[in-house]
Amino acid sequence: QSEDMRAVISIGRFVNFITLFILAFGVIFELPVFMIFS
């Protein structure tokens, strides 16, 4: 962003971004467990 282009973030998209990103990281960190199980 710049002086002529400032971000206006909606609360809906902000929540979607944060929650999905955090949950996705939590899921992918479980990869070694499923590898060991298989």
PDB file of all heavy atoms in Angstrom:
ATOM      1  N   GLN A   1       0.837  -1.189   0.000  1.00  0.00           N
ATOM      2  CA  GLN A   1       0.000   0.000   0.000  1.00  0.00           C
ATOM      3  C   GLN A   1       0.882   1.252   0.000  1.00  0.00           C
ATOM      4  O   GLN A   1       2.057   1.216   0.387  1.00  0.00           O
ATOM      5  CB  GLN A   1      -0.935   0.004   1.206  1.00  0.00           C
ATOM      6  CG  GLN A   1      -0.251   0.023   2.549  1.00  0.00           C
ATOM      7  CD  GLN A   1      -1.252  -0.053   3.687  1.00  0.00           C
ATOM      8  OE1 GLN A   1      -2.437   0.194   3.500  1.00  0.00           O
ATOM      9  NE2 GLN A   1      -0.768  -0.375   4.874  1.00  0.00           N
ATOM     10  N   SER A   2       0.299   2.359  -0.421  1.00  0.00           N
ATOM     11  CA  SER A   2       1.044   3.616  -0.519  1.00  0.00           C
ATOM     12  C   SER A   2       0.171   4.756  -0.011  1.00  0.00           C
ATOM     13  O   SER A   2      -0.935   4.533   0.498  1.00  0.00           O
ATOM     14  CB  SER A   2       1.458   3.860  -1.974  1.00  0.00           C
ATOM     15  OG  SER A   2       0.315   3.955  -2.802  1.00  0.00           O
ATOM     16  N   GLU A   3       0.675   5.958  -0.131  1.00  0.00           N
ATOM     17  CA  GLU A   3      -0.094   7.127   0.313  1.00  0.00           C
ATOM     18  C   GLU A   3      -1.375   7.299  -0.489  1.00  0.00           C
ATOM     19  O   GLU A   3      -2.385   7.763   0.026  1.00  0.00           O
ATOM     20  CB  GLU A   3       0.768   8.384   0.199  1.00  0.00           C
ATOM     21  CG  GLU A   3       1.946   8.418   1.144  1.00  0.00           C
ATOM     22  CD  GLU A   3       1.516   8.488   2.598  1.00  0.00           C
ATOM     23  OE1 GLU A   3       0.399   8.993   2.855  1.00  0.00           O
ATOM     24  OE2 GLU A   3       2.278   8.041   3.470  1.00  0.00           O
ATOM     25  N   ASP A   4      -1.318   6.911  -1.751  1.00  0.00           N
ATOM     26  CA  ASP A   4      -2.487   7.048  -2.618  1.00  0.00           C
ATOM     27  C   ASP A   4      -3.366   5.803  -2.619  1.00  0.00           C
ATOM     28  O   ASP A   4      -4.469   5.829  -3.171  1.00  0.00           O
ATOM     29  CB  ASP A   4      -2.047   7.327  -4.060  1.00  0.00           C
ATOM     30  CG  ASP A   4      -1.256   8.618  -4.165  1.00  0.00           C
ATOM     31  OD1 ASP A   4      -1.563   9.552  -3.386  1.00  0.00           O
ATOM     32  OD2 ASP A   4      -0.341   8.677  -5.001  1.00  0.00           O
ATOM     33  N   MET A   5      -2.878   4.733  -2.014  1.00  0.00           N
ATOM     34  CA  MET A   5      -3.643   3.483  -2.014  1.00  0.00           C
ATOM     35  C   MET A   5      -3.540   2.848  -0.626  1.00  0.00           C
ATOM     36  O   MET A   5      -2.552   2.188  -0.301  1.00  0.00           O
ATOM     37  CB  MET A   5      -3.102   2.519  -3.090  1.00  0.00           C
ATOM     38  CG  MET A   5      -3.909   1.237  -3.222  1.00  0.00           C
ATOM     39  SD  MET A   5      -3.275   0.188  -4.570  1.00  0.00           S
ATOM     40  CE  MET A   5      -1.604  -0.155  -3.986  1.00  0.00           C
ATOM     41  N   ARG A   6      -4.567   3.072   0.201  1.00  0.00           N
ATOM     42  CA  ARG A   6      -4.589   2.572   1.570  1.00  0.00           C
ATOM     43  C   ARG A   6      -5.573   1.419   1.677  1.00  0.00           C
ATOM     44  O   ARG A   6      -6.625   1.395   1.016  1.00  0.00           O
ATOM     45  CB  ARG A   6      -5.000   3.677   2.547  1.00  0.00           C
ATOM     46  CG  ARG A   6      -4.161   4.943   2.449  1.00  0.00           C
ATOM     47  CD  ARG A   6      -2.714   4.686   2.835  1.00  0.00           C
ATOM     48  NE  ARG A   6      -2.589   4.264   4.224  1.00  0.00           N
ATOM     49  CZ  ARG A   6      -1.432   3.950   4.793  1.00  0.00           C
ATOM     50  NH1 ARG A   6      -0.306   3.983   4.066  1.00  0.00           N
ATOM     51  NH2 ARG A   6      -1.406   3.580   6.058  1.00  0.00           N
ATOM     52  N   ALA A   7      -5.238   0.454   2.519  1.00  0.00           N
ATOM     53  CA  ALA A   7      -6.087  -0.724   2.698  1.00  0.00           C
ATOM     54  C   ALA A   7      -7.281  -0.403   3.584  1.00  0.00           C
ATOM     55  O   ALA A   7      -7.147   0.246   4.625  1.00  0.00           O
ATOM     56  CB  ALA A   7      -5.274  -1.854   3.328  1.00  0.00           C
ATOM     57  N   VAL A   8      -8.448  -0.863   3.141  1.00  0.00           N
ATOM     58  CA  VAL A   8      -9.667  -0.799   3.946  1.00  0.00           C
ATOM     59  C   VAL A   8     -10.156  -2.234   4.104  1.00  0.00           C
ATOM     60  O   VAL A   8     -10.704  -2.822   3.174  1.00  0.00           O
ATOM     61  CB  VAL A   8     -10.744   0.080   3.266  1.00  0.00           C
ATOM     62  CG1 VAL A   8     -12.010   0.100   4.121  1.00  0.00           C
ATOM     63  CG2 VAL A   8     -10.221   1.486   3.049  1.00  0.00           C
ATOM     64  N   ILE A   9      -9.942  -2.799   5.275  1.00  0.00           N
ATOM     65  CA  ILE A   9     -10.175  -4.226   5.499  1.00  0.00           C
ATOM     66  C   ILE A   9     -11.532  -4.425   6.165  1.00  0.00           C
ATOM     67  O   ILE A   9     -11.795  -3.854   7.234  1.00  0.00           O
ATOM     68  CB  ILE A   9      -9.062  -4.827   6.381  1.00  0.00           C
ATOM     69  CG1 ILE A   9      -7.702  -4.554   5.742  1.00  0.00           C
ATOM     70  CG2 ILE A   9      -9.266  -6.318   6.566  1.00  0.00           C
ATOM     71  CD1 ILE A   9      -6.537  -4.973   6.601  1.00  0.00           C
ATOM     72  N   SER A  10     -12.377  -5.231   5.544  1.00  0.00           N
ATOM     73  CA  SER A  10     -13.677  -5.528   6.138  1.00  0.00           C
ATOM     74  C   SER A  10     -13.521  -6.565   7.232  1.00  0.00           C
ATOM     75  O   SER A  10     -12.647  -7.445   7.178  1.00  0.00           O
ATOM     76  CB  SER A  10     -14.649  -6.039   5.070  1.00  0.00           C
ATOM     77  OG  SER A  10     -14.239  -7.312   4.610  1.00  0.00           O
ATOM     78  N   ILE A  11     -14.366  -6.501   8.238  1.00  0.00           N
ATOM     79  CA  ILE A  11     -14.267  -7.420   9.367  1.00  0.00           C
ATOM     80  C   ILE A  11     -14.554  -8.862   8.949  1.00  0.00           C
ATOM     81  O   ILE A  11     -13.959  -9.813   9.474  1.00  0.00           O
ATOM     82  CB  ILE A  11     -15.238  -6.976  10.494  1.00  0.00           C
ATOM     83  CG1 ILE A  11     -15.026  -7.839  11.737  1.00  0.00           C
ATOM     84  CG2 ILE A  11     -16.683  -7.013  10.035  1.00  0.00           C
ATOM     85  CD1 ILE A  11     -15.818  -7.346  12.930  1.00  0.00           C
ATOM     86  N   GLY A  12     -15.435  -9.031   7.957  1.00  0.00           N
ATOM     87  CA  GLY A  12     -15.763 -10.373   7.497  1.00  0.00           C
ATOM     88  C   GLY A  12     -14.575 -11.069   6.842  1.00  0.00           C
ATOM     89  O   GLY A  12     -14.246 -12.215   7.164  1.00  0.00           O
ATOM     90  N   ARG A  13     -13.918 -10.366   5.930  1.00  0.00           N
ATOM     91  CA  ARG A  13     -12.767 -10.956   5.252  1.00  0.00           C
ATOM     92  C   ARG A  13     -11.576 -11.101   6.191  1.00  0.00           C
ATOM     93  O   ARG A  13     -10.774 -12.035   6.049  1.00  0.00           O
ATOM     94  CB  ARG A  13     -12.388 -10.108   4.035  1.00  0.00           C
ATOM     95  CG  ARG A  13     -13.469 -10.105   2.968  1.00  0.00           C
ATOM     96  CD  ARG A  13     -12.961  -9.517   1.670  1.00  0.00           C
ATOM     97  NE  ARG A  13     -13.966  -9.632   0.611  1.00  0.00           N
ATOM     98  CZ  ARG A  13     -13.773  -9.274  -0.642  1.00  0.00           C
ATOM     99  NH1 ARG A  13     -12.593  -8.758  -1.007  1.00  0.00           N
ATOM    100  NH2 ARG A  13     -14.722  -9.423  -1.544  1.00  0.00           N
ATOM    101  N   PHE A  14     -11.457 -10.192   7.133  1.00  0.00           N
ATOM    102  CA  PHE A  14     -10.390 -10.291   8.125  1.00  0.00           C
ATOM    103  C   PHE A  14     -10.547 -11.561   8.959  1.00  0.00           C
ATOM    104  O   PHE A  14      -9.586 -12.309   9.166  1.00  0.00           O
ATOM    105  CB  PHE A  14     -10.413  -9.053   9.023  1.00  0.00           C
ATOM    106  CG  PHE A  14      -9.397  -9.070  10.123  1.00  0.00           C
ATOM    107  CD1 PHE A  14      -8.075  -8.728   9.869  1.00  0.00           C
ATOM    108  CD2 PHE A  14      -9.754  -9.426  11.414  1.00  0.00           C
ATOM    109  CE1 PHE A  14      -7.128  -8.739  10.889  1.00  0.00           C
ATOM    110  CE2 PHE A  14      -8.819  -9.451  12.431  1.00  0.00           C
ATOM    111  CZ  PHE A  14      -7.502  -9.100  12.169  1.00  0.00           C
ATOM    112  N   VAL A  15     -11.754 -11.826   9.417  1.00  0.00           N
ATOM    113  CA  VAL A  15     -12.020 -13.020  10.223  1.00  0.00           C
ATOM    114  C   VAL A  15     -11.806 -14.281   9.390  1.00  0.00           C
ATOM    115  O   VAL A  15     -11.232 -15.269   9.869  1.00  0.00           O
ATOM    116  CB  VAL A  15     -13.444 -12.962  10.805  1.00  0.00           C
ATOM    117  CG1 VAL A  15     -13.842 -14.317  11.393  1.00  0.00           C
ATOM    118  CG2 VAL A  15     -13.522 -11.880  11.875  1.00  0.00           C
ATOM    119  N   ASN A  16     -12.279 -14.264   8.140  1.00  0.00           N
ATOM    120  CA  ASN A  16     -12.071 -15.427   7.268  1.00  0.00           C
ATOM    121  C   ASN A  16     -10.585 -15.731   7.087  1.00  0.00           C
ATOM    122  O   ASN A  16     -10.157 -16.891   7.172  1.00  0.00           O
ATOM    123  CB  ASN A  16     -12.712 -15.185   5.898  1.00  0.00           C
ATOM    124  CG  ASN A  16     -14.221 -15.213   5.953  1.00  0.00           C
ATOM    125  OD1 ASN A  16     -14.811 -15.748   6.888  1.00  0.00           O
ATOM    126  ND2 ASN A  16     -14.860 -14.625   4.966  1.00  0.00           N
ATOM    127  N   PHE A  17      -9.808 -14.706   6.826  1.00  0.00           N
ATOM    128  CA  PHE A  17      -8.378 -14.871   6.599  1.00  0.00           C
ATOM    129  C   PHE A  17      -7.693 -15.436   7.838  1.00  0.00           C
ATOM    130  O   PHE A  17      -6.929 -16.407   7.761  1.00  0.00           O
ATOM    131  CB  PHE A  17      -7.761 -13.520   6.225  1.00  0.00           C
ATOM    132  CG  PHE A  17      -6.288 -13.580   5.942  1.00  0.00           C
ATOM    133  CD1 PHE A  17      -5.823 -13.858   4.668  1.00  0.00           C
ATOM    134  CD2 PHE A  17      -5.362 -13.362   6.948  1.00  0.00           C
ATOM    135  CE1 PHE A  17      -4.465 -13.923   4.395  1.00  0.00           C
ATOM    136  CE2 PHE A  17      -4.004 -13.429   6.693  1.00  0.00           C
ATOM    137  CZ  PHE A  17      -3.557 -13.702   5.417  1.00  0.00           C
ATOM    138  N   ILE A  18      -7.972 -14.853   8.993  1.00  0.00           N
ATOM    139  CA  ILE A  18      -7.292 -15.248  10.234  1.00  0.00           C
ATOM    140  C   ILE A  18      -7.655 -16.676  10.626  1.00  0.00           C
ATOM    141  O   ILE A  18      -6.778 -17.511  10.890  1.00  0.00           O
ATOM    142  CB  ILE A  18      -7.641 -14.284  11.378  1.00  0.00           C
ATOM    143  CG1 ILE A  18      -7.208 -12.861  11.047  1.00  0.00           C
ATOM    144  CG2 ILE A  18      -6.997 -14.757  12.685  1.00  0.00           C
ATOM    145  CD1 ILE A  18      -5.727 -12.702  10.835  1.00  0.00           C
ATOM    146  N   THR A  19      -8.942 -16.966  10.681  1.00  0.00           N
ATOM    147  CA  THR A  19      -9.378 -18.278  11.165  1.00  0.00           C
ATOM    148  C   THR A  19      -8.948 -19.412  10.235  1.00  0.00           C
ATOM    149  O   THR A  19      -8.478 -20.458  10.694  1.00  0.00           O
ATOM    150  CB  THR A  19     -10.898 -18.295  11.359  1.00  0.00           C
ATOM    151  OG1 THR A  19     -11.551 -17.906  10.131  1.00  0.00           O
ATOM    152  CG2 THR A  19     -11.316 -17.344  12.461  1.00  0.00           C
ATOM    153  N   LEU A  20      -9.121 -19.213   8.927  1.00  0.00           N
ATOM    154  CA  LEU A  20      -8.735 -20.257   7.979  1.00  0.00           C
ATOM    155  C   LEU A  20      -7.233 -20.488   7.986  1.00  0.00           C
ATOM    156  O   LEU A  20      -6.761 -21.632   7.915  1.00  0.00           O
ATOM    157  CB  LEU A  20      -9.207 -19.897   6.569  1.00  0.00           C
ATOM    158  CG  LEU A  20     -10.706 -19.969   6.318  1.00  0.00           C
ATOM    159  CD1 LEU A  20     -11.034 -19.505   4.897  1.00  0.00           C
ATOM    160  CD2 LEU A  20     -11.223 -21.391   6.520  1.00  0.00           C
ATOM    161  N   PHE A  21      -6.473 -19.428   8.080  1.00  0.00           N
ATOM    162  CA  PHE A  21      -5.020 -19.542   8.087  1.00  0.00           C
ATOM    163  C   PHE A  21      -4.534 -20.290   9.329  1.00  0.00           C
ATOM    164  O   PHE A  21      -3.677 -21.176   9.258  1.00  0.00           O
ATOM    165  CB  PHE A  21      -4.394 -18.149   8.028  1.00  0.00           C
ATOM    166  CG  PHE A  21      -3.046 -18.125   7.367  1.00  0.00           C
ATOM    167  CD1 PHE A  21      -2.760 -18.952   6.304  1.00  0.00           C
ATOM    168  CD2 PHE A  21      -2.067 -17.248   7.811  1.00  0.00           C
ATOM    169  CE1 PHE A  21      -1.517 -18.929   5.687  1.00  0.00           C
ATOM    170  CE2 PHE A  21      -0.825 -17.216   7.204  1.00  0.00           C
ATOM    171  CZ  PHE A  21      -0.544 -18.057   6.138  1.00  0.00           C
ATOM    172  N   ILE A  22      -5.088 -19.958  10.491  1.00  0.00           N
ATOM    173  CA  ILE A  22      -4.676 -20.603  11.739  1.00  0.00           C
ATOM    174  C   ILE A  22      -5.079 -22.074  11.746  1.00  0.00           C
ATOM    175  O   ILE A  22      -4.286 -22.953  12.114  1.00  0.00           O
ATOM    176  CB  ILE A  22      -5.282 -19.861  12.947  1.00  0.00           C
ATOM    177  CG1 ILE A  22      -4.655 -18.467  13.078  1.00  0.00           C
ATOM    178  CG2 ILE A  22      -5.060 -20.648  14.234  1.00  0.00           C
ATOM    179  CD1 ILE A  22      -5.247 -17.622  14.194  1.00  0.00           C
ATOM    180  N   LEU A  23      -6.318 -22.366  11.349  1.00  0.00           N
ATOM    181  CA  LEU A  23      -6.770 -23.758  11.319  1.00  0.00           C
ATOM    182  C   LEU A  23      -5.982 -24.581  10.307  1.00  0.00           C
ATOM    183  O   LEU A  23      -5.665 -25.750  10.556  1.00  0.00           O
ATOM    184  CB  LEU A  23      -8.268 -23.820  10.985  1.00  0.00           C
ATOM    185  CG  LEU A  23      -9.229 -23.371  12.093  1.00  0.00           C
ATOM    186  CD1 LEU A  23     -10.663 -23.411  11.582  1.00  0.00           C
ATOM    187  CD2 LEU A  23      -9.082 -24.251  13.328  1.00  0.00           C
ATOM    188  N   ALA A  24      -5.660 -23.987   9.168  1.00  0.00           N
ATOM    189  CA  ALA A  24      -4.890 -24.710   8.153  1.00  0.00           C
ATOM    190  C   ALA A  24      -3.514 -25.085   8.684  1.00  0.00           C
ATOM    191  O   ALA A  24      -3.041 -26.211   8.468  1.00  0.00           O
ATOM    192  CB  ALA A  24      -4.762 -23.857   6.889  1.00  0.00           C
ATOM    193  N   PHE A  25      -2.881 -24.188   9.395  1.00  0.00           N
ATOM    194  CA  PHE A  25      -1.573 -24.506   9.974  1.00  0.00           C
ATOM    195  C   PHE A  25      -1.691 -25.593  11.034  1.00  0.00           C
ATOM    196  O   PHE A  25      -0.817 -26.454  11.158  1.00  0.00           O
ATOM    197  CB  PHE A  25      -0.938 -23.254  10.569  1.00  0.00           C
ATOM    198  CG  PHE A  25       0.116 -22.656   9.693  1.00  0.00           C
ATOM    199  CD1 PHE A  25      -0.236 -21.781   8.678  1.00  0.00           C
ATOM    200  CD2 PHE A  25       1.444 -22.971   9.861  1.00  0.00           C
ATOM    201  CE1 PHE A  25       0.728 -21.221   7.856  1.00  0.00           C
ATOM    202  CE2 PHE A  25       2.413 -22.424   9.044  1.00  0.00           C
ATOM    203  CZ  PHE A  25       2.059 -21.547   8.031  1.00  0.00           C
ATOM    204  N   GLY A  26      -2.760 -25.552  11.814  1.00  0.00           N
ATOM    205  CA  GLY A  26      -2.951 -26.603  12.804  1.00  0.00           C
ATOM    206  C   GLY A  26      -3.123 -27.967  12.170  1.00  0.00           C
ATOM    207  O   GLY A  26      -2.606 -28.973  12.670  1.00  0.00           O
ATOM    208  N   VAL A  27      -3.811 -28.017  11.033  1.00  0.00           N
ATOM    209  CA  VAL A  27      -4.044 -29.290  10.346  1.00  0.00           C
ATOM    210  C   VAL A  27      -2.767 -29.828   9.715  1.00  0.00           C
ATOM    211  O   VAL A  27      -2.442 -31.012   9.846  1.00  0.00           O
ATOM    212  CB  VAL A  27      -5.151 -29.123   9.282  1.00  0.00           C
ATOM    213  CG1 VAL A  27      -5.254 -30.372   8.416  1.00  0.00           C
ATOM    214  CG2 VAL A  27      -6.490 -28.851   9.954  1.00  0.00           C
ATOM    215  N   ILE A  28      -2.004 -28.975   9.043  1.00  0.00           N
ATOM    216  CA  ILE A  28      -0.819 -29.473   8.345  1.00  0.00           C
ATOM    217  C   ILE A  28       0.272 -29.911   9.311  1.00  0.00           C
ATOM    218  O   ILE A  28       1.106 -30.759   8.967  1.00  0.00           O
ATOM    219  CB  ILE A  28      -0.258 -28.424   7.368  1.00  0.00           C
ATOM    220  CG1 ILE A  28       0.295 -27.213   8.116  1.00  0.00           C
ATOM    221  CG2 ILE A  28      -1.295 -28.027   6.345  1.00  0.00           C
ATOM    222  CD1 ILE A  28       1.053 -26.238   7.233  1.00  0.00           C
ATOM    223  N   PHE A  29       0.282 -29.376  10.522  1.00  0.00           N
ATOM    224  CA  PHE A  29       1.292 -29.785  11.498  1.00  0.00           C
ATOM    225  C   PHE A  29       1.061 -31.219  11.979  1.00  0.00           C
ATOM    226  O   PHE A  29       1.936 -31.793  12.641  1.00  0.00           O
ATOM    227  CB  PHE A  29       1.295 -28.826  12.692  1.00  0.00           C
ATOM    228  CG  PHE A  29       2.350 -27.752  12.594  1.00  0.00           C
ATOM    229  CD1 PHE A  29       2.342 -26.869  11.530  1.00  0.00           C
ATOM    230  CD2 PHE A  29       3.348 -27.636  13.546  1.00  0.00           C
ATOM    231  CE1 PHE A  29       3.314 -25.882  11.423  1.00  0.00           C
ATOM    232  CE2 PHE A  29       4.326 -26.664  13.445  1.00  0.00           C
ATOM    233  CZ  PHE A  29       4.309 -25.775  12.387  1.00  0.00           C
ATOM    234  N   GLU A  30      -0.071 -31.799  11.657  1.00  0.00           N
ATOM    235  CA  GLU A  30      -0.356 -33.169  12.064  1.00  0.00           C
ATOM    236  C   GLU A  30       0.148 -34.198  11.051  1.00  0.00           C
ATOM    237  O   GLU A  30      -0.060 -35.404  11.236  1.00  0.00           O
ATOM    238  CB  GLU A  30      -1.872 -33.342  12.253  1.00  0.00           C
ATOM    239  CG  GLU A  30      -2.449 -32.444  13.339  1.00  0.00           C
ATOM    240  CD  GLU A  30      -3.961 -32.478  13.369  1.00  0.00           C
ATOM    241  OE1 GLU A  30      -4.538 -33.247  12.589  1.00  0.00           O
ATOM    242  OE2 GLU A  30      -4.567 -31.732  14.159  1.00  0.00           O
ATOM    243  N   LEU A  31       0.807 -33.754  10.004  1.00  0.00           N
ATOM    244  CA  LEU A  31       1.277 -34.660   8.960  1.00  0.00           C
ATOM    245  C   LEU A  31       2.133 -35.815   9.495  1.00  0.00           C
ATOM    246  O   LEU A  31       1.914 -36.968   9.100  1.00  0.00           O
ATOM    247  CB  LEU A  31       2.047 -33.865   7.906  1.00  0.00           C
ATOM    248  CG  LEU A  31       2.674 -34.686   6.767  1.00  0.00           C
ATOM    249  CD1 LEU A  31       1.595 -35.402   5.965  1.00  0.00           C
ATOM    250  CD2 LEU A  31       3.506 -33.787   5.855  1.00  0.00           C
ATOM    251  N   PRO A  32       3.120 -35.588  10.376  1.00  0.00           N
ATOM    252  CA  PRO A  32       3.923 -36.727  10.854  1.00  0.00           C
ATOM    253  C   PRO A  32       3.109 -37.806  11.544  1.00  0.00           C
ATOM    254  O   PRO A  32       3.431 -39.003  11.430  1.00  0.00           O
ATOM    255  CB  PRO A  32       4.911 -36.067  11.834  1.00  0.00           C
ATOM    256  CG  PRO A  32       4.980 -34.641  11.416  1.00  0.00           C
ATOM    257  CD  PRO A  32       3.624 -34.311  10.912  1.00  0.00           C
ATOM    258  N   VAL A  33       2.045 -37.421  12.239  1.00  0.00           N
ATOM    259  CA  VAL A  33       1.224 -38.413  12.937  1.00  0.00           C
ATOM    260  C   VAL A  33       0.537 -39.334  11.936  1.00  0.00           C
ATOM    261  O   VAL A  33       0.507 -40.558  12.116  1.00  0.00           O
ATOM    262  CB  VAL A  33       0.183 -37.720  13.835  1.00  0.00           C
ATOM    263  CG1 VAL A  33      -0.667 -38.747  14.573  1.00  0.00           C
ATOM    264  CG2 VAL A  33       0.863 -36.798  14.824  1.00  0.00           C
ATOM    265  N   PHE A  34      -0.009 -38.776  10.869  1.00  0.00           N
ATOM    266  CA  PHE A  34      -0.686 -39.597   9.871  1.00  0.00           C
ATOM    267  C   PHE A  34       0.311 -40.435   9.073  1.00  0.00           C
ATOM    268  O   PHE A  34      -0.025 -41.539   8.642  1.00  0.00           O
ATOM    269  CB  PHE A  34      -1.513 -38.703   8.942  1.00  0.00           C
ATOM    270  CG  PHE A  34      -2.745 -38.146   9.584  1.00  0.00           C
ATOM    271  CD1 PHE A  34      -2.747 -36.891  10.165  1.00  0.00           C
ATOM    272  CD2 PHE A  34      -3.912 -38.896   9.637  1.00  0.00           C
ATOM    273  CE1 PHE A  34      -3.881 -36.381  10.771  1.00  0.00           C
ATOM    274  CE2 PHE A  34      -5.060 -38.399  10.240  1.00  0.00           C
ATOM    275  CZ  PHE A  34      -5.038 -37.137  10.811  1.00  0.00           C
ATOM    276  N   MET A  35       1.525 -39.938   8.901  1.00  0.00           N
ATOM    277  CA  MET A  35       2.559 -40.747   8.250  1.00  0.00           C
ATOM    278  C   MET A  35       2.923 -41.951   9.115  1.00  0.00           C
ATOM    279  O   MET A  35       3.069 -43.072   8.622  1.00  0.00           O
ATOM    280  CB  MET A  35       3.791 -39.885   7.978  1.00  0.00           C
ATOM    281  CG  MET A  35       3.596 -38.821   6.922  1.00  0.00           C
ATOM    282  SD  MET A  35       5.024 -37.711   6.742  1.00  0.00           S
ATOM    283  CE  MET A  35       6.263 -38.867   6.147  1.00  0.00           C
ATOM    284  N   ILE A  36       3.076 -41.719  10.410  1.00  0.00           N
ATOM    285  CA  ILE A  36       3.401 -42.814  11.331  1.00  0.00           C
ATOM    286  C   ILE A  36       2.255 -43.821  11.385  1.00  0.00           C
ATOM    287  O   ILE A  36       2.476 -45.035  11.392  1.00  0.00           O
ATOM    288  CB  ILE A  36       3.703 -42.243  12.734  1.00  0.00           C
ATOM    289  CG1 ILE A  36       5.006 -41.445  12.710  1.00  0.00           C
ATOM    290  CG2 ILE A  36       3.785 -43.360  13.769  1.00  0.00           C
ATOM    291  CD1 ILE A  36       5.291 -40.697  13.987  1.00  0.00           C
ATOM    292  N   PHE A  37       1.028 -43.329  11.390  1.00  0.00           N
ATOM    293  CA  PHE A  37      -0.131 -44.227  11.419  1.00  0.00           C
ATOM    294  C   PHE A  37      -0.169 -45.097  10.166  1.00  0.00           C
ATOM    295  O   PHE A  37      -0.381 -46.316  10.254  1.00  0.00           O
ATOM    296  CB  PHE A  37      -1.417 -43.403  11.527  1.00  0.00           C
ATOM    297  CG  PHE A  37      -2.677 -44.222  11.423  1.00  0.00           C
ATOM    298  CD1 PHE A  37      -3.131 -44.951  12.503  1.00  0.00           C
ATOM    299  CD2 PHE A  37      -3.402 -44.263  10.240  1.00  0.00           C
ATOM    300  CE1 PHE A  37      -4.292 -45.718  12.415  1.00  0.00           C
ATOM    301  CE2 PHE A  37      -4.558 -45.017  10.141  1.00  0.00           C
ATOM    302  CZ  PHE A  37      -4.998 -45.745  11.229  1.00  0.00           C
ATOM    303  N   SER A  38       0.040 -44.501   9.002  1.00  0.00           N
ATOM    304  CA  SER A  38       0.007 -45.275   7.759  1.00  0.00           C
ATOM    305  C   SER A  38       1.138 -46.286   7.706  1.00  0.00           C
ATOM    306  O   SER A  38       0.981 -47.372   7.144  1.00  0.00           O
ATOM    307  CB  SER A  38       0.087 -44.331   6.556  1.00  0.00           C
ATOM    308  OG  SER A  38       1.327 -43.630   6.548  1.00  0.00           O
TER     309      SER A  38
END
